[in-house]
Amino acid sequence: QVHLVESGGGLVQPGGSLRLSCRAAGINFRFNSMAWYRQAPGKERELVANLTRSDGNNYADFVKGRFTVSRDAPGNTAYLQMTSLKAEDTATYYCHANTKWGAFWGRGTQVTVSS
């Protein structure tokens, strides 16, 4: 069974930084691509960044230059390093993976950017 768990969210002031983690069971991020999504209340879920097996990462325009996606060496954890956070970044952030067994989502971690 594939299981994804996000962590690292919290309350941060504008301009601050957070690092989100997506820990995986049943898959390995060396061999499976993944993506970070976010969803704010009343808004549709949107793609934040893609992490590919070939390390060719893609970012949404609204996070380019501020967010970085990566994985650890064993492939057990993917990260989203967020800097220069804005109030507009406030959302629940989700880890997503497509595998041969189907698509999987974590339950999300809340990021709140506020003074």
PDB file of N, CA and C in Angstrom:
ATOM      1  N   GLN A   1       0.835  -1.174   0.000  1.00  0.00           N
ATOM      2  CA  GLN A   1       0.000   0.000   0.000  1.00  0.00           C
ATOM      3  C   GLN A   1       0.886   1.245   0.000  1.00  0.00           C
ATOM      4  N   VAL A   2       0.516   2.229  -0.808  1.00  0.00           N
ATOM      5  CA  VAL A   2       1.233   3.487  -0.878  1.00  0.00           C
ATOM      6  C   VAL A   2       0.641   4.448   0.141  1.00  0.00           C
ATOM      7  N   HIS A   3       1.514   5.076   0.887  1.00  0.00           N
ATOM      8  CA  HIS A   3       1.074   5.995   1.930  1.00  0.00           C
ATOM      9  C   HIS A   3       1.974   7.218   1.897  1.00  0.00           C
ATOM     10  N   LEU A   4       1.370   8.392   1.833  1.00  0.00           N
ATOM     11  CA  LEU A   4       2.090   9.654   1.795  1.00  0.00           C
ATOM     12  C   LEU A   4       1.667  10.502   2.979  1.00  0.00           C
ATOM     13  N   VAL A   5       2.633  11.063   3.670  1.00  0.00           N
ATOM     14  CA  VAL A   5       2.357  11.884   4.843  1.00  0.00           C
ATOM     15  C   VAL A   5       3.137  13.180   4.743  1.00  0.00           C
ATOM     16  N   GLU A   6       2.411  14.292   4.724  1.00  0.00           N
ATOM     17  CA  GLU A   6       3.036  15.603   4.709  1.00  0.00           C
ATOM     18  C   GLU A   6       3.270  16.090   6.135  1.00  0.00           C
ATOM     19  N   SER A   7       4.272  16.913   6.292  1.00  0.00           N
ATOM     20  CA  SER A   7       4.545  17.541   7.568  1.00  0.00           C
ATOM     21  C   SER A   7       5.322  18.827   7.328  1.00  0.00           C
ATOM     22  N   GLY A   8       5.472  19.615   8.367  1.00  0.00           N
ATOM     23  CA  GLY A   8       6.279  20.821   8.295  1.00  0.00           C
ATOM     24  C   GLY A   8       5.502  22.108   8.182  1.00  0.00           C
ATOM     25  N   GLY A   9       4.201  22.016   8.041  1.00  0.00           N
ATOM     26  CA  GLY A   9       3.406  23.224   7.959  1.00  0.00           C
ATOM     27  C   GLY A   9       3.320  23.933   9.295  1.00  0.00           C
ATOM     28  N   GLY A  10       2.820  25.141   9.248  1.00  0.00           N
ATOM     29  CA  GLY A  10       2.684  25.918  10.455  1.00  0.00           C
ATOM     30  C   GLY A  10       2.404  27.367  10.143  1.00  0.00           C
ATOM     31  N   LEU A  11       2.518  28.184  11.161  1.00  0.00           N
ATOM     32  CA  LEU A  11       2.314  29.622  11.041  1.00  0.00           C
ATOM     33  C   LEU A  11       3.657  30.309  10.865  1.00  0.00           C
ATOM     34  N   VAL A  12       3.752  31.145   9.852  1.00  0.00           N
ATOM     35  CA  VAL A  12       4.987  31.862   9.575  1.00  0.00           C
ATOM     36  C   VAL A  12       4.643  33.280   9.142  1.00  0.00           C
ATOM     37  N   GLN A  13       5.520  34.216   9.463  1.00  0.00           N
ATOM     38  CA  GLN A  13       5.311  35.598   9.070  1.00  0.00           C
ATOM     39  C   GLN A  13       5.662  35.813   7.607  1.00  0.00           C
ATOM     40  N   PRO A  14       5.061  36.802   6.965  1.00  0.00           N
ATOM     41  CA  PRO A  14       5.444  37.123   5.597  1.00  0.00           C
ATOM     42  C   PRO A  14       6.949  37.345   5.477  1.00  0.00           C
ATOM     43  N   GLY A  15       7.526  36.802   4.418  1.00  0.00           N
ATOM     44  CA  GLY A  15       8.959  36.865   4.224  1.00  0.00           C
ATOM     45  C   GLY A  15       9.718  35.717   4.856  1.00  0.00           C
ATOM     46  N   GLY A  16       9.046  34.921   5.649  1.00  0.00           N
ATOM     47  CA  GLY A  16       9.678  33.810   6.317  1.00  0.00           C
ATOM     48  C   GLY A  16       9.805  32.582   5.439  1.00  0.00           C
ATOM     49  N   SER A  17      10.291  31.500   6.045  1.00  0.00           N
ATOM     50  CA  SER A  17      10.553  30.261   5.324  1.00  0.00           C
ATOM     51  C   SER A  17       9.981  29.064   6.068  1.00  0.00           C
ATOM     52  N   LEU A  18       9.633  28.046   5.313  1.00  0.00           N
ATOM     53  CA  LEU A  18       9.226  26.757   5.844  1.00  0.00           C
ATOM     54  C   LEU A  18       9.720  25.672   4.902  1.00  0.00           C
ATOM     55  N   ARG A  19       9.996  24.510   5.452  1.00  0.00           N
ATOM     56  CA  ARG A  19      10.297  23.344   4.638  1.00  0.00           C
ATOM     57  C   ARG A  19       9.269  22.265   4.912  1.00  0.00           C
ATOM     58  N   LEU A  20       8.529  21.906   3.884  1.00  0.00           N
ATOM     59  CA  LEU A  20       7.561  20.835   3.982  1.00  0.00           C
ATOM     60  C   LEU A  20       8.202  19.515   3.595  1.00  0.00           C
ATOM     61  N   SER A  21       7.743  18.451   4.234  1.00  0.00           N
ATOM     62  CA  SER A  21       8.229  17.113   3.935  1.00  0.00           C
ATOM     63  C   SER A  21       7.075  16.227   3.504  1.00  0.00           C
ATOM     64  N   CYS A  22       7.352  15.331   2.592  1.00  0.00           N
ATOM     65  CA  CYS A  22       6.411  14.298   2.181  1.00  0.00           C
ATOM     66  C   CYS A  22       7.125  12.965   2.322  1.00  0.00           C
ATOM     67  N   ARG A  23       6.778  12.229   3.354  1.00  0.00           N
ATOM     68  CA  ARG A  23       7.389  10.932   3.589  1.00  0.00           C
ATOM     69  C   ARG A  23       6.539   9.841   2.974  1.00  0.00           C
ATOM     70  N   ALA A  24       7.189   8.937   2.265  1.00  0.00           N
ATOM     71  CA  ALA A  24       6.489   7.938   1.480  1.00  0.00           C
ATOM     72  C   ALA A  24       6.738   6.536   2.004  1.00  0.00           C
ATOM     73  N   ALA A  25       5.704   5.735   1.943  1.00  0.00           N
ATOM     74  CA  ALA A  25       5.803   4.303   2.168  1.00  0.00           C
ATOM     75  C   ALA A  25       5.209   3.598   0.964  1.00  0.00           C
ATOM     76  N   GLY A  26       5.859   2.549   0.524  1.00  0.00           N
ATOM     77  CA  GLY A  26       5.358   1.787  -0.603  1.00  0.00           C
ATOM     78  C   GLY A  26       5.870   2.240  -1.952  1.00  0.00           C
ATOM     79  N   ILE A  27       6.464   3.420  -2.012  1.00  0.00           N
ATOM     80  CA  ILE A  27       7.091   3.921  -3.227  1.00  0.00           C
ATOM     81  C   ILE A  27       8.397   4.586  -2.848  1.00  0.00           C
ATOM     82  N   ASN A  28       9.195   4.844  -3.854  1.00  0.00           N
ATOM     83  CA  ASN A  28      10.465   5.503  -3.652  1.00  0.00           C
ATOM     84  C   ASN A  28      10.578   6.644  -4.651  1.00  0.00           C
ATOM     85  N   PHE A  29      10.925   7.825  -4.164  1.00  0.00           N
ATOM     86  CA  PHE A  29      10.961   8.992  -5.035  1.00  0.00           C
ATOM     87  C   PHE A  29      12.153   9.018  -5.972  1.00  0.00           C
ATOM     88  N   ARG A  30      13.051   8.053  -5.870  1.00  0.00           N
ATOM     89  CA  ARG A  30      14.082   7.894  -6.885  1.00  0.00           C
ATOM     90  C   ARG A  30      13.494   7.312  -8.163  1.00  0.00           C
ATOM     91  N   PHE A  31      12.364   6.625  -8.045  1.00  0.00           N
ATOM     92  CA  PHE A  31      11.771   5.921  -9.168  1.00  0.00           C
ATOM     93  C   PHE A  31      10.359   6.390  -9.494  1.00  0.00           C
ATOM     94  N   ASN A  32       9.785   7.192  -8.648  1.00  0.00           N
ATOM     95  CA  ASN A  32       8.456   7.737  -8.875  1.00  0.00           C
ATOM     96  C   ASN A  32       8.486   9.254  -8.796  1.00  0.00           C
ATOM     97  N   SER A  33       7.901   9.881  -9.778  1.00  0.00           N
ATOM     98  CA  SER A  33       7.774  11.324  -9.724  1.00  0.00           C
ATOM     99  C   SER A  33       6.700  11.702  -8.702  1.00  0.00           C
ATOM    100  N   MET A  34       6.754  12.931  -8.249  1.00  0.00           N
ATOM    101  CA  MET A  34       5.748  13.409  -7.326  1.00  0.00           C
ATOM    102  C   MET A  34       5.502  14.887  -7.592  1.00  0.00           C
ATOM    103  N   ALA A  35       4.486  15.396  -6.950  1.00  0.00           N
ATOM    104  CA  ALA A  35       4.146  16.798  -7.121  1.00  0.00           C
ATOM    105  C   ALA A  35       3.599  17.357  -5.823  1.00  0.00           C
ATOM    106  N   TRP A  36       3.839  18.634  -5.643  1.00  0.00           N
ATOM    107  CA  TRP A  36       3.231  19.384  -4.556  1.00  0.00           C
ATOM    108  C   TRP A  36       2.078  20.211  -5.112  1.00  0.00           C
ATOM    109  N   TYR A  37       0.943  20.105  -4.453  1.00  0.00           N
ATOM    110  CA  TYR A  37      -0.228  20.916  -4.754  1.00  0.00           C
ATOM    111  C   TYR A  37      -0.603  21.721  -3.519  1.00  0.00           C
ATOM    112  N   ARG A  38      -1.424  22.719  -3.721  1.00  0.00           N
ATOM    113  CA  ARG A  38      -1.965  23.451  -2.590  1.00  0.00           C
ATOM    114  C   ARG A  38      -3.398  23.863  -2.879  1.00  0.00           C
ATOM    115  N   GLN A  39      -4.145  24.049  -1.828  1.00  0.00           N
ATOM    116  CA  GLN A  39      -5.527  24.457  -1.955  1.00  0.00           C
ATOM    117  C   GLN A  39      -5.885  25.402  -0.820  1.00  0.00           C
ATOM    118  N   ALA A  40      -6.312  26.587  -1.180  1.00  0.00           N
ATOM    119  CA  ALA A  40      -6.781  27.563  -0.214  1.00  0.00           C
ATOM    120  C   ALA A  40      -8.290  27.443  -0.083  1.00  0.00           C
ATOM    121  N   PRO A  41      -8.846  27.842   1.050  1.00  0.00           N
ATOM    122  CA  PRO A  41     -10.298  27.768   1.222  1.00  0.00           C
ATOM    123  C   PRO A  41     -11.040  28.507   0.121  1.00  0.00           C
ATOM    124  N   GLY A  42     -12.028  27.843  -0.446  1.00  0.00           N
ATOM    125  CA  GLY A  42     -12.826  28.443  -1.500  1.00  0.00           C
ATOM    126  C   GLY A  42     -12.185  28.455  -2.868  1.00  0.00           C
ATOM    127  N   LYS A  43     -10.986  27.911  -2.983  1.00  0.00           N
ATOM    128  CA  LYS A  43     -10.286  27.878  -4.256  1.00  0.00           C
ATOM    129  C   LYS A  43     -10.022  26.445  -4.679  1.00  0.00           C
ATOM    130  N   GLU A  44      -9.784  26.269  -5.971  1.00  0.00           N
ATOM    131  CA  GLU A  44      -9.460  24.953  -6.485  1.00  0.00           C
ATOM    132  C   GLU A  44      -8.013  24.601  -6.183  1.00  0.00           C
ATOM    133  N   ARG A  45      -7.767  23.316  -6.091  1.00  0.00           N
ATOM    134  CA  ARG A  45      -6.411  22.846  -5.873  1.00  0.00           C
ATOM    135  C   ARG A  45      -5.542  23.185  -7.075  1.00  0.00           C
ATOM    136  N   GLU A  46      -4.334  23.656  -6.811  1.00  0.00           N
ATOM    137  CA  GLU A  46      -3.446  24.065  -7.881  1.00  0.00           C
ATOM    138  C   GLU A  46      -2.072  23.425  -7.719  1.00  0.00           C
ATOM    139  N   LEU A  47      -1.441  23.186  -8.844  1.00  0.00           N
ATOM    140  CA  LEU A  47      -0.113  22.599  -8.851  1.00  0.00           C
ATOM    141  C   LEU A  47       0.919  23.633  -8.424  1.00  0.00           C
ATOM    142  N   VAL A  48       1.790  23.239  -7.510  1.00  0.00           N
ATOM    143  CA  VAL A  48       2.869  24.096  -7.039  1.00  0.00           C
ATOM    144  C   VAL A  48       4.182  23.745  -7.727  1.00  0.00           C
ATOM    145  N   ALA A  49       4.529  22.463  -7.715  1.00  0.00           N
ATOM    146  CA  ALA A  49       5.806  22.038  -8.280  1.00  0.00           C
ATOM    147  C   ALA A  49       5.778  20.550  -8.573  1.00  0.00           C
ATOM    148  N   ASN A  50       6.529  20.158  -9.587  1.00  0.00           N
ATOM    149  CA  ASN A  50       6.739  18.758  -9.936  1.00  0.00           C
ATOM    150  C   ASN A  50       8.177  18.369  -9.656  1.00  0.00           C
ATOM    151  N   LEU A  51       8.346  17.187  -9.089  1.00  0.00           N
ATOM    152  CA  LEU A  51       9.659  16.582  -8.931  1.00  0.00           C
ATOM    153  C   LEU A  51       9.659  15.307  -9.762  1.00  0.00           C
ATOM    154  N   THR A  52      10.524  15.257 -10.768  1.00  0.00           N
ATOM    155  CA  THR A  52      10.559  14.119 -11.674  1.00  0.00           C
ATOM    156  C   THR A  52      11.701  13.181 -11.327  1.00  0.00           C
ATOM    157  N   ARG A  53      11.631  11.965 -11.858  1.00  0.00           N
ATOM    158  CA  ARG A  53      12.691  10.993 -11.629  1.00  0.00           C
ATOM    159  C   ARG A  53      14.017  11.445 -12.198  1.00  0.00           C
ATOM    160  N   SER A  54      13.965  12.228 -13.270  1.00  0.00           N
ATOM    161  CA  SER A  54      15.173  12.740 -13.902  1.00  0.00           C
ATOM    162  C   SER A  54      15.641  14.059 -13.304  1.00  0.00           C
ATOM    163  N   ASP A  55      14.991  14.511 -12.245  1.00  0.00           N
ATOM    164  CA  ASP A  55      15.325  15.758 -11.557  1.00  0.00           C
ATOM    165  C   ASP A  55      15.091  16.990 -12.424  1.00  0.00           C
ATOM    166  N   GLY A  56      14.230  16.847 -13.423  1.00  0.00           N
ATOM    167  CA  GLY A  56      13.818  17.997 -14.201  1.00  0.00           C
ATOM    168  C   GLY A  56      12.570  18.588 -13.569  1.00  0.00           C
ATOM    169  N   ASN A  57      12.762  19.495 -12.673  1.00  0.00           N
ATOM    170  CA  ASN A  57      11.657  20.008 -11.867  1.00  0.00           C
ATOM    171  C   ASN A  57      10.943  21.160 -12.548  1.00  0.00           C
ATOM    172  N   ASN A  58       9.662  21.240 -12.297  1.00  0.00           N
ATOM    173  CA  ASN A  58       8.829  22.299 -12.848  1.00  0.00           C
ATOM    174  C   ASN A  58       8.123  23.023 -11.717  1.00  0.00           C
ATOM    175  N   TYR A  59       7.964  24.332 -11.890  1.00  0.00           N
ATOM    176  CA  TYR A  59       7.364  25.162 -10.861  1.00  0.00           C
ATOM    177  C   TYR A  59       6.279  26.035 -11.447  1.00  0.00           C
ATOM    178  N   ALA A  60       5.245  26.250 -10.656  1.00  0.00           N
ATOM    179  CA  ALA A  60       4.243  27.226 -11.033  1.00  0.00           C
ATOM    180  C   ALA A  60       4.860  28.617 -11.027  1.00  0.00           C
ATOM    181  N   ASP A  61       4.336  29.485 -11.880  1.00  0.00           N
ATOM    182  CA  ASP A  61       4.902  30.824 -12.001  1.00  0.00           C
ATOM    183  C   ASP A  61       4.893  31.579 -10.678  1.00  0.00           C
ATOM    184  N   PHE A  62       3.885  31.346  -9.870  1.00  0.00           N
ATOM    185  CA  PHE A  62       3.753  32.130  -8.649  1.00  0.00           C
ATOM    186  C   PHE A  62       4.717  31.710  -7.547  1.00  0.00           C
ATOM    187  N   VAL A  63       5.485  30.636  -7.764  1.00  0.00           N
ATOM    188  CA  VAL A  63       6.469  30.225  -6.759  1.00  0.00           C
ATOM    189  C   VAL A  63       7.889  30.189  -7.309  1.00  0.00           C
ATOM    190  N   LYS A  64       8.068  30.431  -8.592  1.00  0.00           N
ATOM    191  CA  LYS A  64       9.404  30.389  -9.180  1.00  0.00           C
ATOM    192  C   LYS A  64      10.331  31.384  -8.489  1.00  0.00           C
ATOM    193  N   GLY A  65      11.514  30.904  -8.156  1.00  0.00           N
ATOM    194  CA  GLY A  65      12.479  31.731  -7.471  1.00  0.00           C
ATOM    195  C   GLY A  65      12.313  31.761  -5.976  1.00  0.00           C
ATOM    196  N   ARG A  66      11.219  31.214  -5.472  1.00  0.00           N
ATOM    197  CA  ARG A  66      10.962  31.211  -4.035  1.00  0.00           C
ATOM    198  C   ARG A  66      10.909  29.807  -3.446  1.00  0.00           C
ATOM    199  N   PHE A  67      10.384  28.847  -4.204  1.00  0.00           N
ATOM    200  CA  PHE A  67      10.218  27.476  -3.715  1.00  0.00           C
ATOM    201  C   PHE A  67      11.165  26.548  -4.453  1.00  0.00           C
ATOM    202  N   THR A  68      11.612  25.511  -3.757  1.00  0.00           N
ATOM    203  CA  THR A  68      12.477  24.501  -4.343  1.00  0.00           C
ATOM    204  C   THR A  68      12.008  23.123  -3.920  1.00  0.00           C
ATOM    205  N   VAL A  69      11.848  22.218  -4.888  1.00  0.00           N
ATOM    206  CA  VAL A  69      11.449  20.854  -4.592  1.00  0.00           C
ATOM    207  C   VAL A  69      12.666  19.946  -4.713  1.00  0.00           C
ATOM    208  N   SER A  70      12.745  18.951  -3.842  1.00  0.00           N
ATOM    209  CA  SER A  70      13.894  18.060  -3.836  1.00  0.00           C
ATOM    210  C   SER A  70      13.503  16.745  -3.176  1.00  0.00           C
ATOM    211  N   ARG A  71      14.439  15.804  -3.161  1.00  0.00           N
ATOM    212  CA  ARG A  71      14.248  14.533  -2.478  1.00  0.00           C
ATOM    213  C   ARG A  71      15.507  14.182  -1.709  1.00  0.00           C
ATOM    214  N   ASP A  72      15.377  13.332  -0.708  1.00  0.00           N
ATOM    215  CA  ASP A  72      16.555  12.895   0.006  1.00  0.00           C
ATOM    216  C   ASP A  72      17.218  11.757  -0.764  1.00  0.00           C
ATOM    217  N   ALA A  73      18.430  11.395  -0.355  1.00  0.00           N
ATOM    218  CA  ALA A  73      19.207  10.401  -1.085  1.00  0.00           C
ATOM    219  C   ALA A  73      18.538   9.028  -1.136  1.00  0.00           C
ATOM    220  N   PRO A  74      17.978   8.532  -0.027  1.00  0.00           N
ATOM    221  CA  PRO A  74      17.314   7.221  -0.093  1.00  0.00           C
ATOM    222  C   PRO A  74      16.022   7.228  -0.903  1.00  0.00           C
ATOM    223  N   GLY A  75      15.451   8.388  -1.155  1.00  0.00           N
ATOM    224  CA  GLY A  75      14.207   8.486  -1.893  1.00  0.00           C
ATOM    225  C   GLY A  75      12.965   8.312  -1.050  1.00  0.00           C
ATOM    226  N   ASN A  76      13.114   8.382   0.261  1.00  0.00           N
ATOM    227  CA  ASN A  76      11.982   8.182   1.153  1.00  0.00           C
ATOM    228  C   ASN A  76      11.184   9.453   1.400  1.00  0.00           C
ATOM    229  N   THR A  77      11.803  10.595   1.171  1.00  0.00           N
ATOM    230  CA  THR A  77      11.175  11.856   1.508  1.00  0.00           C
ATOM    231  C   THR A  77      11.389  12.873   0.405  1.00  0.00           C
ATOM    232  N   ALA A  78      10.332  13.554   0.045  1.00  0.00           N
ATOM    233  CA  ALA A  78      10.411  14.704  -0.841  1.00  0.00           C
ATOM    234  C   ALA A  78      10.200  15.962  -0.019  1.00  0.00           C
ATOM    235  N   TYR A  79      10.779  17.052  -0.478  1.00  0.00           N
ATOM    236  CA  TYR A  79      10.720  18.304   0.254  1.00  0.00           C
ATOM    237  C   TYR A  79      10.216  19.431  -0.625  1.00  0.00           C
ATOM    238  N   LEU A  80       9.623  20.397   0.014  1.00  0.00           N
ATOM    239  CA  LEU A  80       9.308  21.661  -0.620  1.00  0.00           C
ATOM    240  C   LEU A  80       9.855  22.758   0.277  1.00  0.00           C
ATOM    241  N   GLN A  81      10.970  23.340  -0.134  1.00  0.00           N
ATOM    242  CA  GLN A  81      11.569  24.443   0.600  1.00  0.00           C
ATOM    243  C   GLN A  81      10.934  25.736   0.130  1.00  0.00           C
ATOM    244  N   MET A  82      10.302  26.432   1.044  1.00  0.00           N
ATOM    245  CA  MET A  82       9.577  27.642   0.725  1.00  0.00           C
ATOM    246  C   MET A  82      10.254  28.825   1.401  1.00  0.00           C
ATOM    247  N   THR A  83      10.578  29.827   0.622  1.00  0.00           N
ATOM    248  CA  THR A  83      11.175  31.049   1.134  1.00  0.00           C
ATOM    249  C   THR A  83      10.371  32.245   0.639  1.00  0.00           C
ATOM    250  N   SER A  84      10.646  33.385   1.244  1.00  0.00           N
ATOM    251  CA  SER A  84       9.961  34.629   0.872  1.00  0.00           C
ATOM    252  C   SER A  84       8.454  34.430   0.821  1.00  0.00           C
ATOM    253  N   LEU A  85       7.931  33.819   1.847  1.00  0.00           N
ATOM    254  CA  LEU A  85       6.518  33.471   1.857  1.00  0.00           C
ATOM    255  C   LEU A  85       5.636  34.712   1.898  1.00  0.00           C
ATOM    256  N   LYS A  86       4.527  34.603   1.202  1.00  0.00           N
ATOM    257  CA  LYS A  86       3.541  35.663   1.113  1.00  0.00           C
ATOM    258  C   LYS A  86       2.231  35.191   1.712  1.00  0.00           C
ATOM    259  N   ALA A  87       1.386  36.138   2.061  1.00  0.00           N
ATOM    260  CA  ALA A  87       0.076  35.791   2.581  1.00  0.00           C
ATOM    261  C   ALA A  87      -0.702  34.933   1.591  1.00  0.00           C
ATOM    262  N   GLU A  88      -0.484  35.174   0.301  1.00  0.00           N
ATOM    263  CA  GLU A  88      -1.172  34.415  -0.734  1.00  0.00           C
ATOM    264  C   GLU A  88      -0.758  32.947  -0.779  1.00  0.00           C
ATOM    265  N   ASP A  89       0.338  32.605  -0.111  1.00  0.00           N
ATOM    266  CA  ASP A  89       0.781  31.214  -0.053  1.00  0.00           C
ATOM    267  C   ASP A  89       0.019  30.400   0.980  1.00  0.00           C
ATOM    268  N   THR A  90      -0.814  31.053   1.757  1.00  0.00           N
ATOM    269  CA  THR A  90      -1.596  30.358   2.767  1.00  0.00           C
ATOM    270  C   THR A  90      -2.515  29.336   2.104  1.00  0.00           C
ATOM    271  N   ALA A  91      -2.369  28.083   2.497  1.00  0.00           N
ATOM    272  CA  ALA A  91      -3.131  27.001   1.886  1.00  0.00           C
ATOM    273  C   ALA A  91      -2.788  25.700   2.597  1.00  0.00           C
ATOM    274  N   THR A  92      -3.553  24.677   2.292  1.00  0.00           N
ATOM    275  CA  THR A  92      -3.178  23.325   2.655  1.00  0.00           C
ATOM    276  C   THR A  92      -2.343  22.752   1.521  1.00  0.00           C
ATOM    277  N   TYR A  93      -1.180  22.247   1.857  1.00  0.00           N
ATOM    278  CA  TYR A  93      -0.257  21.728   0.862  1.00  0.00           C
ATOM    279  C   TYR A  93      -0.300  20.209   0.867  1.00  0.00           C
ATOM    280  N   TYR A  94      -0.400  19.633  -0.335  1.00  0.00           N
ATOM    281  CA  TYR A  94      -0.576  18.199  -0.500  1.00  0.00           C
ATOM    282  C   TYR A  94       0.550  17.593  -1.314  1.00  0.00           C
ATOM    283  N   CYS A  95       0.925  16.409  -0.939  1.00  0.00           N
ATOM    284  CA  CYS A  95       1.855  15.593  -1.692  1.00  0.00           C
ATOM    285  C   CYS A  95       1.060  14.650  -2.584  1.00  0.00           C
ATOM    286  N   HIS A  96       1.499  14.506  -3.830  1.00  0.00           N
ATOM    287  CA  HIS A  96       0.810  13.657  -4.793  1.00  0.00           C
ATOM    288  C   HIS A  96       1.814  12.808  -5.548  1.00  0.00           C
ATOM    289  N   ALA A  97       1.432  11.571  -5.824  1.00  0.00           N
ATOM    290  CA  ALA A  97       2.284  10.690  -6.605  1.00  0.00           C
ATOM    291  C   ALA A  97       1.436   9.831  -7.519  1.00  0.00           C
ATOM    292  N   ASN A  98       1.900   9.675  -8.740  1.00  0.00           N
ATOM    293  CA  ASN A  98       1.311   8.735  -9.685  1.00  0.00           C
ATOM    294  C   ASN A  98       2.181   7.497  -9.749  1.00  0.00           C
ATOM    295  N   THR A  99       1.577   6.346  -9.522  1.00  0.00           N
ATOM    296  CA  THR A  99       2.295   5.088  -9.538  1.00  0.00           C
ATOM    297  C   THR A  99       1.535   4.094 -10.399  1.00  0.00           C
ATOM    298  N   LYS A 100       2.143   2.917 -10.605  1.00  0.00           N
ATOM    299  CA  LYS A 100       1.467   1.885 -11.371  1.00  0.00           C
ATOM    300  C   LYS A 100       0.237   1.356 -10.649  1.00  0.00           C
ATOM    301  N   TRP A 101       0.128   1.649  -9.365  1.00  0.00           N
ATOM    302  CA  TRP A 101      -1.044   1.246  -8.607  1.00  0.00           C
ATOM    303  C   TRP A 101      -2.118   2.320  -8.566  1.00  0.00           C
ATOM    304  N   GLY A 102      -1.832   3.457  -9.156  1.00  0.00           N
ATOM    305  CA  GLY A 102      -2.784   4.542  -9.176  1.00  0.00           C
ATOM    306  C   GLY A 102      -2.206   5.827  -8.614  1.00  0.00           C
ATOM    307  N   ALA A 103      -3.080   6.806  -8.458  1.00  0.00           N
ATOM    308  CA  ALA A 103      -2.689   8.099  -7.918  1.00  0.00           C
ATOM    309  C   ALA A 103      -2.930   8.135  -6.418  1.00  0.00           C
ATOM    310  N   PHE A 104      -2.012   8.761  -5.701  1.00  0.00           N
ATOM    311  CA  PHE A 104      -2.104   8.821  -4.247  1.00  0.00           C
ATOM    312  C   PHE A 104      -1.892  10.239  -3.765  1.00  0.00           C
ATOM    313  N   TRP A 105      -2.602  10.582  -2.717  1.00  0.00           N
ATOM    314  CA  TRP A 105      -2.516  11.881  -2.068  1.00  0.00           C
ATOM    315  C   TRP A 105      -2.236  11.722  -0.588  1.00  0.00           C
ATOM    316  N   GLY A 106      -1.465  12.638  -0.059  1.00  0.00           N
ATOM    317  CA  GLY A 106      -1.397  12.772   1.379  1.00  0.00           C
ATOM    318  C   GLY A 106      -2.604  13.534   1.881  1.00  0.00           C
ATOM    319  N   ARG A 107      -2.721  13.646   3.176  1.00  0.00           N
ATOM    320  CA  ARG A 107      -3.853  14.342   3.766  1.00  0.00           C
ATOM    321  C   ARG A 107      -3.622  15.835   3.909  1.00  0.00           C
ATOM    322  N   GLY A 108      -2.416  16.291   3.667  1.00  0.00           N
ATOM    323  CA  GLY A 108      -2.126  17.704   3.632  1.00  0.00           C
ATOM    324  C   GLY A 108      -1.529  18.237   4.914  1.00  0.00           C
ATOM    325  N   THR A 109      -0.825  19.348   4.770  1.00  0.00           N
ATOM    326  CA  THR A 109      -0.290  20.080   5.910  1.00  0.00           C
ATOM    327  C   THR A 109      -0.596  21.561   5.707  1.00  0.00           C
ATOM    328  N   GLN A 110      -1.040  22.204   6.756  1.00  0.00           N
ATOM    329  CA  GLN A 110      -1.507  23.581   6.656  1.00  0.00           C
ATOM    330  C   GLN A 110      -0.354  24.567   6.779  1.00  0.00           C
ATOM    331  N   VAL A 111      -0.310  25.495   5.850  1.00  0.00           N
ATOM    332  CA  VAL A 111       0.647  26.603   5.887  1.00  0.00           C
ATOM    333  C   VAL A 111      -0.141  27.899   5.994  1.00  0.00           C
ATOM    334  N   THR A 112       0.149  28.660   7.014  1.00  0.00           N
ATOM    335  CA  THR A 112      -0.504  29.948   7.211  1.00  0.00           C
ATOM    336  C   THR A 112       0.558  31.032   7.286  1.00  0.00           C
ATOM    337  N   VAL A 113       0.471  31.992   6.395  1.00  0.00           N
ATOM    338  CA  VAL A 113       1.416  33.106   6.348  1.00  0.00           C
ATOM    339  C   VAL A 113       0.674  34.351   6.801  1.00  0.00           C
ATOM    340  N   SER A 114       1.041  34.836   7.951  1.00  0.00           N
ATOM    341  CA  SER A 114       0.328  35.962   8.542  1.00  0.00           C
ATOM    342  C   SER A 114       1.204  36.661   9.559  1.00  0.00           C
ATOM    343  N   SER A 115       0.964  37.965   9.710  1.00  0.00           N
ATOM    344  CA  SER A 115       1.638  38.724  10.744  1.00  0.00           C
ATOM    345  C   SER A 115       0.923  38.610  12.079  1.00  0.00           C
TER     346      SER A 115
END
